[in-house]
Protein backbone atom coordinates (compact mmCIF):
# COMPACT_ATOMS: atom_id res chain seq x y z
CA MET A 1 19.64 -5.43 14.14
CA LYS A 2 15.87 -4.98 14.16
CA GLN A 3 13.23 -7.28 12.68
CA LEU A 4 9.60 -6.82 11.64
CA ASP A 5 6.97 -9.21 10.26
CA LEU A 6 4.59 -7.72 7.70
CA ILE A 7 1.61 -9.00 5.70
CA ILE A 8 1.36 -7.95 2.05
CA TYR A 9 -2.25 -6.85 1.50
CA ASN A 10 -2.22 -5.44 -2.02
CA PRO A 11 -3.95 -7.59 -4.66
CA THR A 12 -0.84 -8.18 -6.79
CA GLY A 13 1.46 -9.06 -3.90
CA LEU A 14 5.08 -7.90 -4.22
CA HIS A 15 5.21 -7.69 -8.02
CA ALA A 16 6.47 -4.99 -10.40
CA ARG A 17 5.12 -1.63 -9.21
CA PRO A 18 4.64 -2.57 -5.51
CA ALA A 19 8.13 -4.12 -5.44
CA ALA A 20 9.58 -0.92 -6.94
CA VAL A 21 7.86 1.20 -4.27
CA PHE A 22 9.21 -1.13 -1.56
CA VAL A 23 12.75 -1.01 -2.99
CA ASN A 24 12.71 2.77 -3.45
CA THR A 25 11.66 3.15 0.18
CA ALA A 26 14.46 0.82 1.35
CA LYS A 27 17.07 2.65 -0.75
CA GLN A 28 16.52 5.84 1.27
CA PHE A 29 18.34 4.27 4.22
CA GLN A 30 21.94 3.35 4.97
CA ALA A 31 20.96 0.20 6.87
CA ASP A 32 21.41 -3.23 5.28
CA ILE A 33 17.81 -4.35 4.74
CA ARG A 34 16.84 -7.94 3.94
CA VAL A 35 13.48 -9.59 3.29
CA GLN A 36 12.61 -13.22 3.93
CA HIS A 37 9.54 -15.03 2.60
CA GLY A 38 9.48 -18.69 3.53
CA PRO A 39 12.94 -20.11 2.84
CA LYS A 40 13.85 -17.38 0.34
CA LYS A 41 15.84 -14.27 1.29
CA ALA A 42 16.32 -11.09 -0.73
CA ASN A 43 18.10 -7.76 -0.70
CA ALA A 44 15.39 -5.15 -0.04
CA LYS A 45 17.21 -2.65 -2.27
CA SER A 46 16.98 -4.81 -5.42
CA VAL A 47 13.74 -5.09 -7.40
CA ILE A 48 14.90 -8.30 -9.10
CA SER A 49 15.79 -9.82 -5.73
CA ILE A 50 12.37 -8.88 -4.26
CA LEU A 51 10.54 -10.28 -7.29
CA THR A 52 12.25 -13.67 -6.83
CA LEU A 53 10.48 -14.05 -3.48
CA GLY A 54 7.12 -14.55 -5.21
CA VAL A 55 5.09 -12.91 -2.43
CA ARG A 56 1.35 -13.00 -3.14
CA GLN A 57 -1.52 -11.16 -1.50
CA GLY A 58 -1.79 -12.24 2.13
CA GLY A 59 1.84 -13.42 2.20
CA GLN A 60 3.97 -12.73 5.25
CA ILE A 61 7.46 -11.31 4.97
CA CYS A 62 10.11 -10.82 7.63
CA VAL A 63 12.12 -7.63 7.16
CA THR A 64 15.43 -7.16 8.97
CA ALA A 65 17.46 -3.98 9.08
CA ASP A 66 20.95 -3.53 10.43
CA GLY A 67 22.56 -0.11 10.54
CA PRO A 68 22.42 3.41 11.93
CA ASP A 69 18.88 4.12 10.68
CA GLU A 70 17.40 0.63 11.06
CA GLU A 71 14.43 1.71 13.18
CA ALA A 72 13.43 4.50 10.77
CA ALA A 73 13.84 2.11 7.83
CA LEU A 74 11.50 -0.48 9.33
CA ALA A 75 8.97 2.20 10.30
CA ASP A 76 8.89 3.64 6.76
CA LEU A 77 8.67 0.19 5.16
CA LYS A 78 5.77 -0.73 7.46
CA THR A 79 3.97 2.47 6.49
CA ALA A 80 4.57 1.76 2.78
CA VAL A 81 3.28 -1.82 3.06
CA ASP A 82 0.26 -0.79 5.15
CA SER A 83 -0.65 1.88 2.58
CA GLY A 84 -0.59 -0.65 -0.29
CA LEU A 85 2.79 0.06 -1.92
CA GLY A 86 1.19 2.32 -4.50
CA ASP A 87 -1.81 0.05 -5.12
CA GLU A 88 -5.31 0.73 -3.86
CA LEU A 89 -6.32 -1.81 -1.27
CA PRO A 90 -9.77 -3.40 -1.51
CA PRO A 91 -11.76 -2.84 1.70
CA GLU A 92 -12.62 -6.53 2.14
CA ASN A 93 -9.04 -7.82 2.26
CA GLY A 94 -8.71 -7.92 6.03
CA HIS A 95 -6.25 -5.01 6.11
CA PRO A 96 -6.09 -3.45 9.59
CA ALA A 97 -7.04 -0.02 8.21
CA SER A 98 -10.23 -1.30 6.56
């Protein structure tokens, strides 16, 4: 099992479209992928489950992956989050790429 902490930089947090991008990325892998935000945990392959986390801009999530492609899954999810999950990131948000 591998684990990765990520910061959500996009202005809307993990809502609707960004959550769908996150879930669609996770679904490409066989690994069991879970997301934790505070005390709440969610299945990374379920949009409804991700939406229940209520992650806002600047929120930290902990992503765990367990399975044959866990490292690739975490790498792709990190790339998706760092690129804004389909949203354009404002340059002043403290994102490492800005």
